[in-house]
Amino acid sequence: VHLLDGHDEGPVHAVVAAIRAYERFMCGDMAAAREQADMAIALGRRQD
């Protein structure tokens, strides 16, 4: 996330969101997992 700061949205942003979604899911934080999963879906579609 720090390295991506200031860079235009790209496929790596989508991958980071997907991994953050599962990290939160595996730790039992369902609200944050849902937020990151929605972001991963949206970014994944925009960034192919």
ModelCIF file with pLDDT and N, C-alpha, C, O atoms, coordinates in Angstrom:
data_MODEL
#
_entry.id   MODEL 
#
_entity.id                         1 
_entity.type                       polymer 
_entity.pdbx_number_of_molecules   1 
#
_entity_poly.entity_id                      1 
_entity_poly.type                           'polypeptide(L)' 
_entity_poly.nstd_linkage                   no 
_entity_poly.nstd_monomer                   no 
_entity_poly.pdbx_seq_one_letter_code       VHLLDGHDEGPVHAVVAAIRAYERFMCGDMAAAREQADMAIALGRRQD 
_entity_poly.pdbx_seq_one_letter_code_can   VHLLDGHDEGPVHAVVAAIRAYERFMCGDMAAAREQADMAIALGRRQD 
_entity_poly.pdbx_strand_id                 A 
#
loop_
_entity_poly_seq.entity_id 
_entity_poly_seq.num 
_entity_poly_seq.mon_id 
_entity_poly_seq.hetero 
1 1  VAL n 
1 2  HIS n 
1 3  LEU n 
1 4  LEU n 
1 5  ASP n 
1 6  GLY n 
1 7  HIS n 
1 8  ASP n 
1 9  GLU n 
1 10 GLY n 
1 11 PRO n 
1 12 VAL n 
1 13 HIS n 
1 14 ALA n 
1 15 VAL n 
1 16 VAL n 
1 17 ALA n 
1 18 ALA n 
1 19 ILE n 
1 20 ARG n 
1 21 ALA n 
1 22 TYR n 
1 23 GLU n 
1 24 ARG n 
1 25 PHE n 
1 26 MET n 
1 27 CYS n 
1 28 GLY n 
1 29 ASP n 
1 30 MET n 
1 31 ALA n 
1 32 ALA n 
1 33 ALA n 
1 34 ARG n 
1 35 GLU n 
1 36 GLN n 
1 37 ALA n 
1 38 ASP n 
1 39 MET n 
1 40 ALA n 
1 41 ILE n 
1 42 ALA n 
1 43 LEU n 
1 44 GLY n 
1 45 ARG n 
1 46 ARG n 
1 47 GLN n 
1 48 ASP n 
#
_struct_asym.id          A 
_struct_asym.entity_id   1 
#
loop_
_ma_qa_metric.id 
_ma_qa_metric.mode 
_ma_qa_metric.name 
_ma_qa_metric.software_group_id 
_ma_qa_metric.type 
1 global pLDDT . pLDDT 
2 local  pLDDT . pLDDT 
#
_ma_qa_metric_global.metric_id      1 
_ma_qa_metric_global.metric_value   92.44 
_ma_qa_metric_global.model_id       1 
_ma_qa_metric_global.ordinal_id     1 
#
loop_
_ma_qa_metric_local.label_asym_id 
_ma_qa_metric_local.label_comp_id 
_ma_qa_metric_local.label_seq_id 
_ma_qa_metric_local.metric_id 
_ma_qa_metric_local.metric_value 
_ma_qa_metric_local.model_id 
_ma_qa_metric_local.ordinal_id 
A VAL 1  2 94.00 1 1  
A HIS 2  2 93.00 1 2  
A LEU 3  2 95.00 1 3  
A LEU 4  2 95.00 1 4  
A ASP 5  2 93.00 1 5  
A GLY 6  2 92.00 1 6  
A HIS 7  2 94.00 1 7  
A ASP 8  2 93.00 1 8  
A GLU 9  2 94.00 1 9  
A GLY 10 2 94.00 1 10 
A PRO 11 2 94.00 1 11 
A VAL 12 2 95.00 1 12 
A HIS 13 2 96.00 1 13 
A ALA 14 2 95.00 1 14 
A VAL 15 2 94.00 1 15 
A VAL 16 2 95.00 1 16 
A ALA 17 2 96.00 1 17 
A ALA 18 2 94.00 1 18 
A ILE 19 2 94.00 1 19 
A ARG 20 2 93.00 1 20 
A ALA 21 2 93.00 1 21 
A TYR 22 2 89.00 1 22 
A GLU 23 2 89.00 1 23 
A ARG 24 2 89.00 1 24 
A PHE 25 2 87.00 1 25 
A MET 26 2 83.00 1 26 
A CYS 27 2 82.00 1 27 
A GLY 28 2 79.00 1 28 
A ASP 29 2 84.00 1 29 
A MET 30 2 86.00 1 30 
A ALA 31 2 90.00 1 31 
A ALA 32 2 91.00 1 32 
A ALA 33 2 92.00 1 33 
A ARG 34 2 94.00 1 34 
A GLU 35 2 95.00 1 35 
A GLN 36 2 95.00 1 36 
A ALA 37 2 95.00 1 37 
A ASP 38 2 95.00 1 38 
A MET 39 2 96.00 1 39 
A ALA 40 2 95.00 1 40 
A ILE 41 2 95.00 1 41 
A ALA 42 2 95.00 1 42 
A LEU 43 2 95.00 1 43 
A GLY 44 2 94.00 1 44 
A ARG 45 2 94.00 1 45 
A ARG 46 2 95.00 1 46 
A GLN 47 2 94.00 1 47 
A ASP 48 2 93.00 1 48 
#
loop_
_atom_site.group_PDB 
_atom_site.id 
_atom_site.type_symbol 
_atom_site.label_atom_id 
_atom_site.label_alt_id 
_atom_site.label_comp_id 
_atom_site.label_asym_id 
_atom_site.label_entity_id 
_atom_site.label_seq_id 
_atom_site.pdbx_PDB_ins_code 
_atom_site.Cartn_x 
_atom_site.Cartn_y 
_atom_site.Cartn_z 
_atom_site.occupancy 
_atom_site.B_iso_or_equiv 
_atom_site.pdbx_formal_charge 
_atom_site.auth_seq_id 
_atom_site.auth_comp_id 
_atom_site.auth_asym_id 
_atom_site.auth_atom_id 
_atom_site.pdbx_PDB_model_num 
ATOM 1   N N  . VAL A 1 1  ? 0.841   -1.205  0.000   1.00 94.00 ? 1  VAL A N  1 
ATOM 2   C CA . VAL A 1 1  ? 0.000   0.000   0.000   1.00 94.00 ? 1  VAL A CA 1 
ATOM 3   C C  . VAL A 1 1  ? 0.873   1.252   0.000   1.00 94.00 ? 1  VAL A C  1 
ATOM 4   O O  . VAL A 1 1  ? 0.593   2.211   -0.719  1.00 94.00 ? 1  VAL A O  1 
ATOM 5   N N  . HIS A 1 2  ? 1.934   1.238   0.810   1.00 93.00 ? 2  HIS A N  1 
ATOM 6   C CA . HIS A 1 2  ? 2.842   2.396   0.874   1.00 93.00 ? 2  HIS A CA 1 
ATOM 7   C C  . HIS A 1 2  ? 3.493   2.639   -0.488  1.00 93.00 ? 2  HIS A C  1 
ATOM 8   O O  . HIS A 1 2  ? 3.597   3.783   -0.929  1.00 93.00 ? 2  HIS A O  1 
ATOM 9   N N  . LEU A 1 3  ? 3.932   1.563   -1.157  1.00 95.00 ? 3  LEU A N  1 
ATOM 10  C CA . LEU A 1 3  ? 4.589   1.711   -2.452  1.00 95.00 ? 3  LEU A CA 1 
ATOM 11  C C  . LEU A 1 3  ? 3.622   2.199   -3.535  1.00 95.00 ? 3  LEU A C  1 
ATOM 12  O O  . LEU A 1 3  ? 4.033   2.869   -4.483  1.00 95.00 ? 3  LEU A O  1 
ATOM 13  N N  . LEU A 1 4  ? 2.346   1.864   -3.393  1.00 95.00 ? 4  LEU A N  1 
ATOM 14  C CA . LEU A 1 4  ? 1.353   2.274   -4.397  1.00 95.00 ? 4  LEU A CA 1 
ATOM 15  C C  . LEU A 1 4  ? 0.848   3.693   -4.176  1.00 95.00 ? 4  LEU A C  1 
ATOM 16  O O  . LEU A 1 4  ? 0.164   4.250   -5.034  1.00 95.00 ? 4  LEU A O  1 
ATOM 17  N N  . ASP A 1 5  ? 1.180   4.276   -3.035  1.00 93.00 ? 5  ASP A N  1 
ATOM 18  C CA . ASP A 1 5  ? 0.699   5.616   -2.708  1.00 93.00 ? 5  ASP A CA 1 
ATOM 19  C C  . ASP A 1 5  ? 1.155   6.612   -3.779  1.00 93.00 ? 5  ASP A C  1 
ATOM 20  O O  . ASP A 1 5  ? 2.344   6.709   -4.084  1.00 93.00 ? 5  ASP A O  1 
ATOM 21  N N  . GLY A 1 6  ? 0.202   7.344   -4.340  1.00 92.00 ? 6  GLY A N  1 
ATOM 22  C CA . GLY A 1 6  ? 0.522   8.344   -5.357  1.00 92.00 ? 6  GLY A CA 1 
ATOM 23  C C  . GLY A 1 6  ? 0.510   7.803   -6.771  1.00 92.00 ? 6  GLY A C  1 
ATOM 24  O O  . GLY A 1 6  ? 0.664   8.576   -7.716  1.00 92.00 ? 6  GLY A O  1 
ATOM 25  N N  . HIS A 1 7  ? 0.331   6.503   -6.953  1.00 94.00 ? 7  HIS A N  1 
ATOM 26  C CA . HIS A 1 7  ? 0.306   5.917   -8.295  1.00 94.00 ? 7  HIS A CA 1 
ATOM 27  C C  . HIS A 1 7  ? -1.136  5.723   -8.752  1.00 94.00 ? 7  HIS A C  1 
ATOM 28  O O  . HIS A 1 7  ? -2.033  5.505   -7.937  1.00 94.00 ? 7  HIS A O  1 
ATOM 29  N N  . ASP A 1 8  ? -1.347  5.804   -10.054 1.00 93.00 ? 8  ASP A N  1 
ATOM 30  C CA . ASP A 1 8  ? -2.684  5.604   -10.605 1.00 93.00 ? 8  ASP A CA 1 
ATOM 31  C C  . ASP A 1 8  ? -3.160  4.180   -10.335 1.00 93.00 ? 8  ASP A C  1 
ATOM 32  O O  . ASP A 1 8  ? -2.367  3.247   -10.207 1.00 93.00 ? 8  ASP A O  1 
ATOM 33  N N  . GLU A 1 9  ? -4.470  4.049   -10.254 1.00 94.00 ? 9  GLU A N  1 
ATOM 34  C CA . GLU A 1 9  ? -5.077  2.733   -10.016 1.00 94.00 ? 9  GLU A CA 1 
ATOM 35  C C  . GLU A 1 9  ? -4.649  1.754   -11.108 1.00 94.00 ? 9  GLU A C  1 
ATOM 36  O O  . GLU A 1 9  ? -4.626  2.088   -12.293 1.00 94.00 ? 9  GLU A O  1 
ATOM 37  N N  . GLY A 1 10 ? -4.307  0.521   -10.672 1.00 94.00 ? 10 GLY A N  1 
ATOM 38  C CA . GLY A 1 10 ? -3.886  -0.508  -11.615 1.00 94.00 ? 10 GLY A CA 1 
ATOM 39  C C  . GLY A 1 10 ? -4.218  -1.894  -11.095 1.00 94.00 ? 10 GLY A C  1 
ATOM 40  O O  . GLY A 1 10 ? -4.824  -2.017  -10.030 1.00 94.00 ? 10 GLY A O  1 
ATOM 41  N N  . PRO A 1 11 ? -3.835  -2.952  -11.824 1.00 94.00 ? 11 PRO A N  1 
ATOM 42  C CA . PRO A 1 11 ? -4.148  -4.320  -11.413 1.00 94.00 ? 11 PRO A CA 1 
ATOM 43  C C  . PRO A 1 11 ? -3.613  -4.676  -10.028 1.00 94.00 ? 11 PRO A C  1 
ATOM 44  O O  . PRO A 1 11 ? -4.232  -5.460  -9.309  1.00 94.00 ? 11 PRO A O  1 
ATOM 45  N N  . VAL A 1 12 ? -2.463  -4.105  -9.648  1.00 95.00 ? 12 VAL A N  1 
ATOM 46  C CA . VAL A 1 12 ? -1.894  -4.437  -8.339  1.00 95.00 ? 12 VAL A CA 1 
ATOM 47  C C  . VAL A 1 12 ? -2.812  -3.966  -7.221  1.00 95.00 ? 12 VAL A C  1 
ATOM 48  O O  . VAL A 1 12 ? -2.915  -4.630  -6.189  1.00 95.00 ? 12 VAL A O  1 
ATOM 49  N N  . HIS A 1 13 ? -3.485  -2.826  -7.408  1.00 96.00 ? 13 HIS A N  1 
ATOM 50  C CA . HIS A 1 13 ? -4.439  -2.353  -6.405  1.00 96.00 ? 13 HIS A CA 1 
ATOM 51  C C  . HIS A 1 13 ? -5.546  -3.386  -6.194  1.00 96.00 ? 13 HIS A C  1 
ATOM 52  O O  . HIS A 1 13 ? -5.983  -3.608  -5.065  1.00 96.00 ? 13 HIS A O  1 
ATOM 53  N N  . ALA A 1 14 ? -5.995  -4.015  -7.276  1.00 95.00 ? 14 ALA A N  1 
ATOM 54  C CA . ALA A 1 14 ? -7.047  -5.025  -7.177  1.00 95.00 ? 14 ALA A CA 1 
ATOM 55  C C  . ALA A 1 14 ? -6.560  -6.252  -6.415  1.00 95.00 ? 14 ALA A C  1 
ATOM 56  O O  . ALA A 1 14 ? -7.279  -6.801  -5.579  1.00 95.00 ? 14 ALA A O  1 
ATOM 57  N N  . VAL A 1 15 ? -5.328  -6.681  -6.712  1.00 94.00 ? 15 VAL A N  1 
ATOM 58  C CA . VAL A 1 15 ? -4.769  -7.855  -6.032  1.00 94.00 ? 15 VAL A CA 1 
ATOM 59  C C  . VAL A 1 15 ? -4.604  -7.583  -4.538  1.00 94.00 ? 15 VAL A C  1 
ATOM 60  O O  . VAL A 1 15 ? -4.907  -8.444  -3.712  1.00 94.00 ? 15 VAL A O  1 
ATOM 61  N N  . VAL A 1 16 ? -4.127  -6.393  -4.193  1.00 95.00 ? 16 VAL A N  1 
ATOM 62  C CA . VAL A 1 16 ? -3.956  -6.041  -2.774  1.00 95.00 ? 16 VAL A CA 1 
ATOM 63  C C  . VAL A 1 16 ? -5.298  -6.072  -2.051  1.00 95.00 ? 16 VAL A C  1 
ATOM 64  O O  . VAL A 1 16 ? -5.388  -6.580  -0.933  1.00 95.00 ? 16 VAL A O  1 
ATOM 65  N N  . ALA A 1 17 ? -6.344  -5.529  -2.681  1.00 96.00 ? 17 ALA A N  1 
ATOM 66  C CA . ALA A 1 17 ? -7.672  -5.536  -2.054  1.00 96.00 ? 17 ALA A CA 1 
ATOM 67  C C  . ALA A 1 17 ? -8.165  -6.963  -1.841  1.00 96.00 ? 17 ALA A C  1 
ATOM 68  O O  . ALA A 1 17 ? -8.758  -7.263  -0.804  1.00 96.00 ? 17 ALA A O  1 
ATOM 69  N N  . ALA A 1 18 ? -7.927  -7.848  -2.813  1.00 94.00 ? 18 ALA A N  1 
ATOM 70  C CA . ALA A 1 18 ? -8.371  -9.238  -2.689  1.00 94.00 ? 18 ALA A CA 1 
ATOM 71  C C  . ALA A 1 18 ? -7.667  -9.940  -1.521  1.00 94.00 ? 18 ALA A C  1 
ATOM 72  O O  . ALA A 1 18 ? -8.296  -10.667 -0.752  1.00 94.00 ? 18 ALA A O  1 
ATOM 73  N N  . ILE A 1 19 ? -6.363  -9.714  -1.401  1.00 94.00 ? 19 ILE A N  1 
ATOM 74  C CA . ILE A 1 19 ? -5.622  -10.362 -0.312  1.00 94.00 ? 19 ILE A CA 1 
ATOM 75  C C  . ILE A 1 19 ? -6.041  -9.795  1.040   1.00 94.00 ? 19 ILE A C  1 
ATOM 76  O O  . ILE A 1 19 ? -6.163  -10.534 2.017   1.00 94.00 ? 19 ILE A O  1 
ATOM 77  N N  . ARG A 1 20 ? -6.262  -8.476  1.096   1.00 93.00 ? 20 ARG A N  1 
ATOM 78  C CA . ARG A 1 20 ? -6.726  -7.865  2.355   1.00 93.00 ? 20 ARG A CA 1 
ATOM 79  C C  . ARG A 1 20 ? -8.103  -8.411  2.738   1.00 93.00 ? 20 ARG A C  1 
ATOM 80  O O  . ARG A 1 20 ? -8.393  -8.587  3.921   1.00 93.00 ? 20 ARG A O  1 
ATOM 81  N N  . ALA A 1 21 ? -8.955  -8.680  1.738   1.00 93.00 ? 21 ALA A N  1 
ATOM 82  C CA . ALA A 1 21 ? -10.279 -9.233  2.030   1.00 93.00 ? 21 ALA A CA 1 
ATOM 83  C C  . ALA A 1 21 ? -10.152 -10.580 2.727   1.00 93.00 ? 21 ALA A C  1 
ATOM 84  O O  . ALA A 1 21 ? -10.841 -10.841 3.714   1.00 93.00 ? 21 ALA A O  1 
ATOM 85  N N  . TYR A 1 22 ? -9.266  -11.439 2.212   1.00 89.00 ? 22 TYR A N  1 
ATOM 86  C CA . TYR A 1 22 ? -9.135  -12.771 2.817   1.00 89.00 ? 22 TYR A CA 1 
ATOM 87  C C  . TYR A 1 22 ? -8.383  -12.735 4.133   1.00 89.00 ? 22 TYR A C  1 
ATOM 88  O O  . TYR A 1 22 ? -8.646  -13.555 5.012   1.00 89.00 ? 22 TYR A O  1 
ATOM 89  N N  . GLU A 1 23 ? -7.456  -11.809 4.288   1.00 89.00 ? 23 GLU A N  1 
ATOM 90  C CA . GLU A 1 23 ? -6.775  -11.675 5.587   1.00 89.00 ? 23 GLU A CA 1 
ATOM 91  C C  . GLU A 1 23 ? -7.788  -11.323 6.667   1.00 89.00 ? 23 GLU A C  1 
ATOM 92  O O  . GLU A 1 23 ? -7.759  -11.886 7.761   1.00 89.00 ? 23 GLU A O  1 
ATOM 93  N N  . ARG A 1 24 ? -8.687  -10.386 6.354   1.00 89.00 ? 24 ARG A N  1 
ATOM 94  C CA . ARG A 1 24 ? -9.720  -10.000 7.329   1.00 89.00 ? 24 ARG A CA 1 
ATOM 95  C C  . ARG A 1 24 ? -10.721 -11.146 7.545   1.00 89.00 ? 24 ARG A C  1 
ATOM 96  O O  . ARG A 1 24 ? -11.169 -11.379 8.667   1.00 89.00 ? 24 ARG A O  1 
ATOM 97  N N  . PHE A 1 25 ? -11.064 -11.852 6.477   1.00 87.00 ? 25 PHE A N  1 
ATOM 98  C CA . PHE A 1 25 ? -11.991 -12.979 6.587   1.00 87.00 ? 25 PHE A CA 1 
ATOM 99  C C  . PHE A 1 25 ? -11.416 -14.057 7.498   1.00 87.00 ? 25 PHE A C  1 
ATOM 100 O O  . PHE A 1 25 ? -12.116 -14.567 8.373   1.00 87.00 ? 25 PHE A O  1 
ATOM 101 N N  . MET A 1 26 ? -10.147 -14.408 7.298   1.00 83.00 ? 26 MET A N  1 
ATOM 102 C CA . MET A 1 26 ? -9.524  -15.463 8.096   1.00 83.00 ? 26 MET A CA 1 
ATOM 103 C C  . MET A 1 26 ? -9.366  -15.071 9.556   1.00 83.00 ? 26 MET A C  1 
ATOM 104 O O  . MET A 1 26 ? -9.281  -15.933 10.431  1.00 83.00 ? 26 MET A O  1 
ATOM 105 N N  . CYS A 1 27 ? -9.326  -13.771 9.818   1.00 82.00 ? 27 CYS A N  1 
ATOM 106 C CA . CYS A 1 27 ? -9.204  -13.300 11.198  1.00 82.00 ? 27 CYS A CA 1 
ATOM 107 C C  . CYS A 1 27 ? -10.559 -13.028 11.844  1.00 82.00 ? 27 CYS A C  1 
ATOM 108 O O  . CYS A 1 27 ? -10.615 -12.649 13.014  1.00 82.00 ? 27 CYS A O  1 
ATOM 109 N N  . GLY A 1 28 ? -11.651 -13.215 11.103  1.00 79.00 ? 28 GLY A N  1 
ATOM 110 C CA . GLY A 1 28 ? -12.982 -13.073 11.686  1.00 79.00 ? 28 GLY A CA 1 
ATOM 111 C C  . GLY A 1 28 ? -13.548 -11.668 11.669  1.00 79.00 ? 28 GLY A C  1 
ATOM 112 O O  . GLY A 1 28 ? -14.569 -11.420 12.311  1.00 79.00 ? 28 GLY A O  1 
ATOM 113 N N  . ASP A 1 29 ? -12.915 -10.725 10.949  1.00 84.00 ? 29 ASP A N  1 
ATOM 114 C CA . ASP A 1 29 ? -13.410 -9.345  10.858  1.00 84.00 ? 29 ASP A CA 1 
ATOM 115 C C  . ASP A 1 29 ? -14.274 -9.251  9.601   1.00 84.00 ? 29 ASP A C  1 
ATOM 116 O O  . ASP A 1 29 ? -13.793 -8.849  8.541   1.00 84.00 ? 29 ASP A O  1 
ATOM 117 N N  . MET A 1 30 ? -15.553 -9.622  9.722   1.00 86.00 ? 30 MET A N  1 
ATOM 118 C CA . MET A 1 30 ? -16.400 -9.753  8.549   1.00 86.00 ? 30 MET A CA 1 
ATOM 119 C C  . MET A 1 30 ? -16.740 -8.418  7.890   1.00 86.00 ? 30 MET A C  1 
ATOM 120 O O  . MET A 1 30 ? -16.856 -8.349  6.666   1.00 86.00 ? 30 MET A O  1 
ATOM 121 N N  . ALA A 1 31 ? -16.901 -7.355  8.684   1.00 90.00 ? 31 ALA A N  1 
ATOM 122 C CA . ALA A 1 31 ? -17.241 -6.051  8.105   1.00 90.00 ? 31 ALA A CA 1 
ATOM 123 C C  . ALA A 1 31 ? -16.116 -5.555  7.205   1.00 90.00 ? 31 ALA A C  1 
ATOM 124 O O  . ALA A 1 31 ? -16.358 -5.136  6.073   1.00 90.00 ? 31 ALA A O  1 
ATOM 125 N N  . ALA A 1 32 ? -14.888 -5.603  7.708   1.00 91.00 ? 32 ALA A N  1 
ATOM 126 C CA . ALA A 1 32 ? -13.743 -5.161  6.901   1.00 91.00 ? 32 ALA A CA 1 
ATOM 127 C C  . ALA A 1 32 ? -13.526 -6.092  5.717   1.00 91.00 ? 32 ALA A C  1 
ATOM 128 O O  . ALA A 1 32 ? -13.152 -5.641  4.634   1.00 91.00 ? 32 ALA A O  1 
ATOM 129 N N  . ALA A 1 33 ? -13.757 -7.391  5.915   1.00 92.00 ? 33 ALA A N  1 
ATOM 130 C CA . ALA A 1 33 ? -13.596 -8.348  4.815   1.00 92.00 ? 33 ALA A CA 1 
ATOM 131 C C  . ALA A 1 33 ? -14.583 -8.036  3.691   1.00 92.00 ? 33 ALA A C  1 
ATOM 132 O O  . ALA A 1 33 ? -14.222 -8.070  2.514   1.00 92.00 ? 33 ALA A O  1 
ATOM 133 N N  . ARG A 1 34 ? -15.821 -7.735  4.054   1.00 94.00 ? 34 ARG A N  1 
ATOM 134 C CA . ARG A 1 34 ? -16.833 -7.396  3.050   1.00 94.00 ? 34 ARG A CA 1 
ATOM 135 C C  . ARG A 1 34 ? -16.419 -6.141  2.283   1.00 94.00 ? 34 ARG A C  1 
ATOM 136 O O  . ARG A 1 34 ? -16.531 -6.099  1.058   1.00 94.00 ? 34 ARG A O  1 
ATOM 137 N N  . GLU A 1 35 ? -15.941 -5.121  2.996   1.00 95.00 ? 35 GLU A N  1 
ATOM 138 C CA . GLU A 1 35 ? -15.528 -3.867  2.353   1.00 95.00 ? 35 GLU A CA 1 
ATOM 139 C C  . GLU A 1 35 ? -14.406 -4.115  1.354   1.00 95.00 ? 35 GLU A C  1 
ATOM 140 O O  . GLU A 1 35 ? -14.453 -3.619  0.228   1.00 95.00 ? 35 GLU A O  1 
ATOM 141 N N  . GLN A 1 36 ? -13.393 -4.886  1.765   1.00 95.00 ? 36 GLN A N  1 
ATOM 142 C CA . GLN A 1 36 ? -12.258 -5.151  0.878   1.00 95.00 ? 36 GLN A CA 1 
ATOM 143 C C  . GLN A 1 36 ? -12.665 -6.055  -0.287  1.00 95.00 ? 36 GLN A C  1 
ATOM 144 O O  . GLN A 1 36 ? -12.167 -5.893  -1.400  1.00 95.00 ? 36 GLN A O  1 
ATOM 145 N N  . ALA A 1 37 ? -13.576 -7.013  -0.032  1.00 95.00 ? 37 ALA A N  1 
ATOM 146 C CA . ALA A 1 37 ? -14.032 -7.895  -1.109  1.00 95.00 ? 37 ALA A CA 1 
ATOM 147 C C  . ALA A 1 37 ? -14.777 -7.098  -2.178  1.00 95.00 ? 37 ALA A C  1 
ATOM 148 O O  . ALA A 1 37 ? -14.566 -7.316  -3.371  1.00 95.00 ? 37 ALA A O  1 
ATOM 149 N N  . ASP A 1 38 ? -15.647 -6.177  -1.759  1.00 95.00 ? 38 ASP A N  1 
ATOM 150 C CA . ASP A 1 38 ? -16.357 -5.326  -2.715  1.00 95.00 ? 38 ASP A CA 1 
ATOM 151 C C  . ASP A 1 38 ? -15.366 -4.500  -3.533  1.00 95.00 ? 38 ASP A C  1 
ATOM 152 O O  . ASP A 1 38 ? -15.538 -4.320  -4.739  1.00 95.00 ? 38 ASP A O  1 
ATOM 153 N N  . MET A 1 39 ? -14.324 -3.999  -2.860  1.00 96.00 ? 39 MET A N  1 
ATOM 154 C CA . MET A 1 39 ? -13.309 -3.210  -3.553  1.00 96.00 ? 39 MET A CA 1 
ATOM 155 C C  . MET A 1 39 ? -12.549 -4.076  -4.558  1.00 96.00 ? 39 MET A C  1 
ATOM 156 O O  . MET A 1 39 ? -12.258 -3.637  -5.670  1.00 96.00 ? 39 MET A O  1 
ATOM 157 N N  . ALA A 1 40 ? -12.227 -5.323  -4.155  1.00 95.00 ? 40 ALA A N  1 
ATOM 158 C CA . ALA A 1 40 ? -11.505 -6.224  -5.059  1.00 95.00 ? 40 ALA A CA 1 
ATOM 159 C C  . ALA A 1 40 ? -12.336 -6.526  -6.301  1.00 95.00 ? 40 ALA A C  1 
ATOM 160 O O  . ALA A 1 40 ? -11.800 -6.585  -7.408  1.00 95.00 ? 40 ALA A O  1 
ATOM 161 N N  . ILE A 1 41 ? -13.645 -6.718  -6.123  1.00 95.00 ? 41 ILE A N  1 
ATOM 162 C CA . ILE A 1 41 ? -14.524 -7.004  -7.265  1.00 95.00 ? 41 ILE A CA 1 
ATOM 163 C C  . ILE A 1 41 ? -14.555 -5.811  -8.216  1.00 95.00 ? 41 ILE A C  1 
ATOM 164 O O  . ILE A 1 41 ? -14.409 -5.964  -9.429  1.00 95.00 ? 41 ILE A O  1 
ATOM 165 N N  . ALA A 1 42 ? -14.748 -4.624  -7.648  1.00 95.00 ? 42 ALA A N  1 
ATOM 166 C CA . ALA A 1 42 ? -14.846 -3.428  -8.490  1.00 95.00 ? 42 ALA A CA 1 
ATOM 167 C C  . ALA A 1 42 ? -13.526 -3.148  -9.208  1.00 95.00 ? 42 ALA A C  1 
ATOM 168 O O  . ALA A 1 42 ? -13.512 -2.895  -10.413 1.00 95.00 ? 42 ALA A O  1 
ATOM 169 N N  . LEU A 1 43 ? -12.428 -3.194  -8.471  1.00 95.00 ? 43 LEU A N  1 
ATOM 170 C CA . LEU A 1 43 ? -11.118 -2.951  -9.083  1.00 95.00 ? 43 LEU A CA 1 
ATOM 171 C C  . LEU A 1 43 ? -10.776 -4.034  -10.098 1.00 95.00 ? 43 LEU A C  1 
ATOM 172 O O  . LEU A 1 43 ? -10.227 -3.748  -11.162 1.00 95.00 ? 43 LEU A O  1 
ATOM 173 N N  . GLY A 1 44 ? -11.107 -5.291  -9.758  1.00 94.00 ? 44 GLY A N  1 
ATOM 174 C CA . GLY A 1 44 ? -10.804 -6.388  -10.669 1.00 94.00 ? 44 GLY A CA 1 
ATOM 175 C C  . GLY A 1 44 ? -11.510 -6.224  -12.000 1.00 94.00 ? 44 GLY A C  1 
ATOM 176 O O  . GLY A 1 44 ? -10.934 -6.508  -13.050 1.00 94.00 ? 44 GLY A O  1 
ATOM 177 N N  . ARG A 1 45 ? -12.750 -5.770  -11.964 1.00 94.00 ? 45 ARG A N  1 
ATOM 178 C CA . ARG A 1 45 ? -13.497 -5.566  -13.211 1.00 94.00 ? 45 ARG A CA 1 
ATOM 179 C C  . ARG A 1 45 ? -12.919 -4.403  -14.012 1.00 94.00 ? 45 ARG A C  1 
ATOM 180 O O  . ARG A 1 45 ? -12.796 -4.480  -15.234 1.00 94.00 ? 45 ARG A O  1 
ATOM 181 N N  . ARG A 1 46 ? -12.566 -3.321  -13.307 1.00 95.00 ? 46 ARG A N  1 
ATOM 182 C CA . ARG A 1 46 ? -12.032 -2.149  -14.028 1.00 95.00 ? 46 ARG A CA 1 
ATOM 183 C C  . ARG A 1 46 ? -10.641 -2.421  -14.594 1.00 95.00 ? 46 ARG A C  1 
ATOM 184 O O  . ARG A 1 46 ? -10.287 -1.927  -15.665 1.00 95.00 ? 46 ARG A O  1 
ATOM 185 N N  . GLN A 1 47 ? -9.858  -3.214  -13.864 1.00 94.00 ? 47 GLN A N  1 
ATOM 186 C CA . GLN A 1 47 ? -8.462  -3.431  -14.265 1.00 94.00 ? 47 GLN A CA 1 
ATOM 187 C C  . GLN A 1 47 ? -8.244  -4.774  -14.961 1.00 94.00 ? 47 GLN A C  1 
ATOM 188 O O  . GLN A 1 47 ? -7.106  -5.176  -15.202 1.00 94.00 ? 47 GLN A O  1 
ATOM 189 N N  . ASP A 1 48 ? -9.334  -5.460  -15.279 1.00 93.00 ? 48 ASP A N  1 
ATOM 190 C CA . ASP A 1 48 ? -9.257  -6.742  -15.988 1.00 93.00 ? 48 ASP A CA 1 
ATOM 191 C C  . ASP A 1 48 ? -8.397  -7.753  -15.214 1.00 93.00 ? 48 ASP A C  1 
ATOM 192 O O  . ASP A 1 48 ? -8.222  -8.885  -15.662 1.00 93.00 ? 48 ASP A O  1 
#
